[in-house]
C-alpha atoms as a PDB file:
ATOM      1  CA  MET A   1      49.615  18.178  47.667  1.00  0.00           C
ATOM      2  CA  GLY A   2      48.604  15.721  50.357  1.00  0.00           C
ATOM      3  CA  ARG A   3      49.632  12.144  50.539  1.00  0.00           C
ATOM      4  CA  THR A   4      47.438   9.408  49.216  1.00  0.00           C
ATOM      5  CA  VAL A   5      46.123   7.256  52.038  1.00  0.00           C
ATOM      6  CA  PRO A   6      46.711   3.580  51.268  1.00  0.00           C
ATOM      7  CA  THR A   7      43.702   1.301  51.166  1.00  0.00           C
ATOM      8  CA  PHE A   8      43.268  -1.167  53.986  1.00  0.00           C
ATOM      9  CA  ARG A   9      44.284  -4.055  51.741  1.00  0.00           C
ATOM     10  CA  MET A  10      47.413  -2.215  50.626  1.00  0.00           C
ATOM     11  CA  ALA A  11      48.325  -1.505  54.254  1.00  0.00           C
ATOM     12  CA  LEU A  12      47.627  -5.140  55.173  1.00  0.00           C
ATOM     13  CA  GLU A  13      49.832  -6.458  52.365  1.00  0.00           C
ATOM     14  CA  ASN A  14      52.582  -4.066  53.410  1.00  0.00           C
ATOM     15  CA  GLU A  15      52.375  -5.303  57.016  1.00  0.00           C
ATOM     16  CA  ILE A  16      52.519  -8.914  55.828  1.00  0.00           C
ATOM     17  CA  LEU A  17      55.516  -8.086  53.655  1.00  0.00           C
ATOM     18  CA  LEU A  18      57.317  -6.553  56.633  1.00  0.00           C
ATOM     19  CA  TRP A  19      56.715  -9.713  58.679  1.00  0.00           C
ATOM     20  CA  CYS A  20      57.897 -11.878  55.792  1.00  0.00           C
ATOM     21  CA  LYS A  21      61.176 -10.030  55.366  1.00  0.00           C
ATOM     22  CA  GLY A  22      62.659 -10.749  58.766  1.00  0.00           C
ATOM     23  CA  TYR A  23      60.536 -13.119  60.768  1.00  0.00           C
ATOM     24  CA  LYS A  24      59.603 -15.608  58.050  1.00  0.00           C
ATOM     25  CA  ASN A  25      63.145 -15.804  56.734  1.00  0.00           C
ATOM     26  CA  ALA A  26      64.365 -16.895  60.172  1.00  0.00           C
ATOM     27  CA  LEU A  27      61.898 -19.801  60.369  1.00  0.00           C
ATOM     28  CA  ARG A  28      62.533 -23.427  59.464  1.00  0.00           C
ATOM     29  CA  ASN A  29      61.044 -24.578  56.157  1.00  0.00           C
ATOM     30  CA  GLU A  30      58.129 -26.470  57.729  1.00  0.00           C
ATOM     31  CA  ASP A  31      57.327 -23.420  59.866  1.00  0.00           C
ATOM     32  CA  LYS A  32      57.480 -21.137  56.822  1.00  0.00           C
ATOM     33  CA  LYS A  33      54.589 -23.062  55.267  1.00  0.00           C
ATOM     34  CA  ILE A  34      52.508 -22.650  58.413  1.00  0.00           C
ATOM     35  CA  PHE A  35      53.435 -18.974  58.598  1.00  0.00           C
ATOM     36  CA  GLY A  36      52.219 -18.549  55.019  1.00  0.00           C
ATOM     37  CA  LYS A  37      48.882 -20.123  55.948  1.00  0.00           C
ATOM     38  CA  ILE A  38      48.555 -17.806  58.928  1.00  0.00           C
ATOM     39  CA  MET A  39      49.233 -14.772  56.763  1.00  0.00           C
ATOM     40  CA  ASN A  40      46.531 -15.981  54.381  1.00  0.00           C
ATOM     41  CA  TYR A  41      44.128 -16.122  57.330  1.00  0.00           C
ATOM     42  CA  SER A  42      44.827 -12.451  57.946  1.00  0.00           C
ATOM     43  CA  ARG A  43      43.650 -11.700  54.399  1.00  0.00           C
ATOM     44  CA  LEU A  44      40.378 -13.635  54.569  1.00  0.00           C
ATOM     45  CA  HIS A  45      38.325 -11.007  56.367  1.00  0.00           C
ATOM     46  CA  GLY A  46      39.618  -7.895  54.653  1.00  0.00           C
ATOM     47  CA  ASP A  47      36.175  -6.329  54.405  1.00  0.00           C
ATOM     48  CA  ALA A  48      35.588  -6.666  58.148  1.00  0.00           C
ATOM     49  CA  GLY A  49      39.084  -5.362  58.798  1.00  0.00           C
ATOM     50  CA  MET A  50      38.466  -2.332  56.645  1.00  0.00           C
ATOM     51  CA  MET A  51      35.201  -1.611  58.444  1.00  0.00           C
ATOM     52  CA  SER A  52      36.811  -1.968  61.877  1.00  0.00           C
ATOM     53  CA  ASN A  53      38.694   1.285  61.283  1.00  0.00           C
ATOM     54  CA  ARG A  54      41.616   0.254  63.510  1.00  0.00           C
ATOM     55  CA  PRO A  55      44.742   2.385  63.152  1.00  0.00           C
ATOM     56  CA  VAL A  56      47.065  -0.546  63.898  1.00  0.00           C
ATOM     57  CA  ILE A  57      46.837  -3.055  61.044  1.00  0.00           C
ATOM     58  CA  PHE A  58      48.485  -5.755  63.134  1.00  0.00           C
ATOM     59  CA  GLU A  59      45.478  -5.768  65.490  1.00  0.00           C
ATOM     60  CA  VAL A  60      43.177  -6.522  62.571  1.00  0.00           C
ATOM     61  CA  MET A  61      45.548  -9.208  61.315  1.00  0.00           C
ATOM     62  CA  MET A  62      45.485 -10.915  64.706  1.00  0.00           C
ATOM     63  CA  MET A  63      41.685 -10.779  64.936  1.00  0.00           C
ATOM     64  CA  ASN A  64      41.374 -12.323  61.467  1.00  0.00           C
ATOM     65  CA  ILE A  65      43.853 -15.054  62.360  1.00  0.00           C
ATOM     66  CA  ILE A  66      42.120 -15.787  65.684  1.00  0.00           C
ATOM     67  CA  LEU A  67      38.751 -15.948  63.937  1.00  0.00           C
ATOM     68  CA  GLU A  68      39.988 -18.463  61.365  1.00  0.00           C
ATOM     69  CA  GLN A  69      41.745 -20.579  63.971  1.00  0.00           C
ATOM     70  CA  GLN A  70      38.618 -20.581  66.127  1.00  0.00           C
ATOM     71  CA  LYS A  71      36.590 -21.781  63.142  1.00  0.00           C
ATOM     72  CA  GLN A  72      39.074 -24.597  62.602  1.00  0.00           C
ATOM     73  CA  LEU A  73      39.000 -25.505  66.284  1.00  0.00           C
ATOM     74  CA  LYS A  74      35.197 -25.673  66.224  1.00  0.00           C
ATOM     75  CA  GLU A  75      35.316 -27.913  63.160  1.00  0.00           C
ATOM     76  CA  VAL A  76      37.715 -30.297  64.906  1.00  0.00           C
ATOM     77  CA  GLN A  77      35.574 -30.256  68.061  1.00  0.00           C
ATOM     78  CA  ASP A  78      32.466 -31.043  66.020  1.00  0.00           C
ATOM     79  CA  GLN A  79      34.267 -33.934  64.341  1.00  0.00           C
ATOM     80  CA  LEU A  80      35.395 -35.225  67.720  1.00  0.00           C
ATOM     81  CA  ILE A  81      31.826 -35.102  69.038  1.00  0.00           C
ATOM     82  CA  GLU A  82      30.611 -37.038  65.988  1.00  0.00           C
ATOM     83  CA  LEU A  83      33.313 -39.663  66.442  1.00  0.00           C
ATOM     84  CA  GLN A  84      32.448 -39.973  70.127  1.00  0.00           C
ATOM     85  CA  LYS A  85      28.766 -40.472  69.243  1.00  0.00           C
ATOM     86  CA  LYS A  86      29.666 -43.214  66.755  1.00  0.00           C
ATOM     87  CA  LEU A  87      31.903 -44.861  69.313  1.00  0.00           C
ATOM     88  CA  ASP A  88      29.164 -44.743  71.953  1.00  0.00           C
ATOM     89  CA  GLU A  89      26.640 -46.225  69.501  1.00  0.00           C
ATOM     90  CA  SER A  90      28.938 -49.108  68.638  1.00  0.00           C
ATOM     91  CA  GLU A  91      29.368 -50.167  72.266  1.00  0.00           C
END
């Protein structure tokens, strides 16, 4: 009998678990919270990750994390632009 191939989400959760065992445990408490958020980012685009058909799950995790961080950066930039406009209008 052949082995059952794990689903992408199962493989992703396993990769996250491996990172949590060593790396997360060595972090300070405030960094552990941030690490948890980052790992949640890696879960947010599971469908796209599954469709990417990448053999190395970590690559997909990083792309998902980068995507979410880029979205956050854009949101902050947009807010900054709005604040700058308001400041310019008030002068």
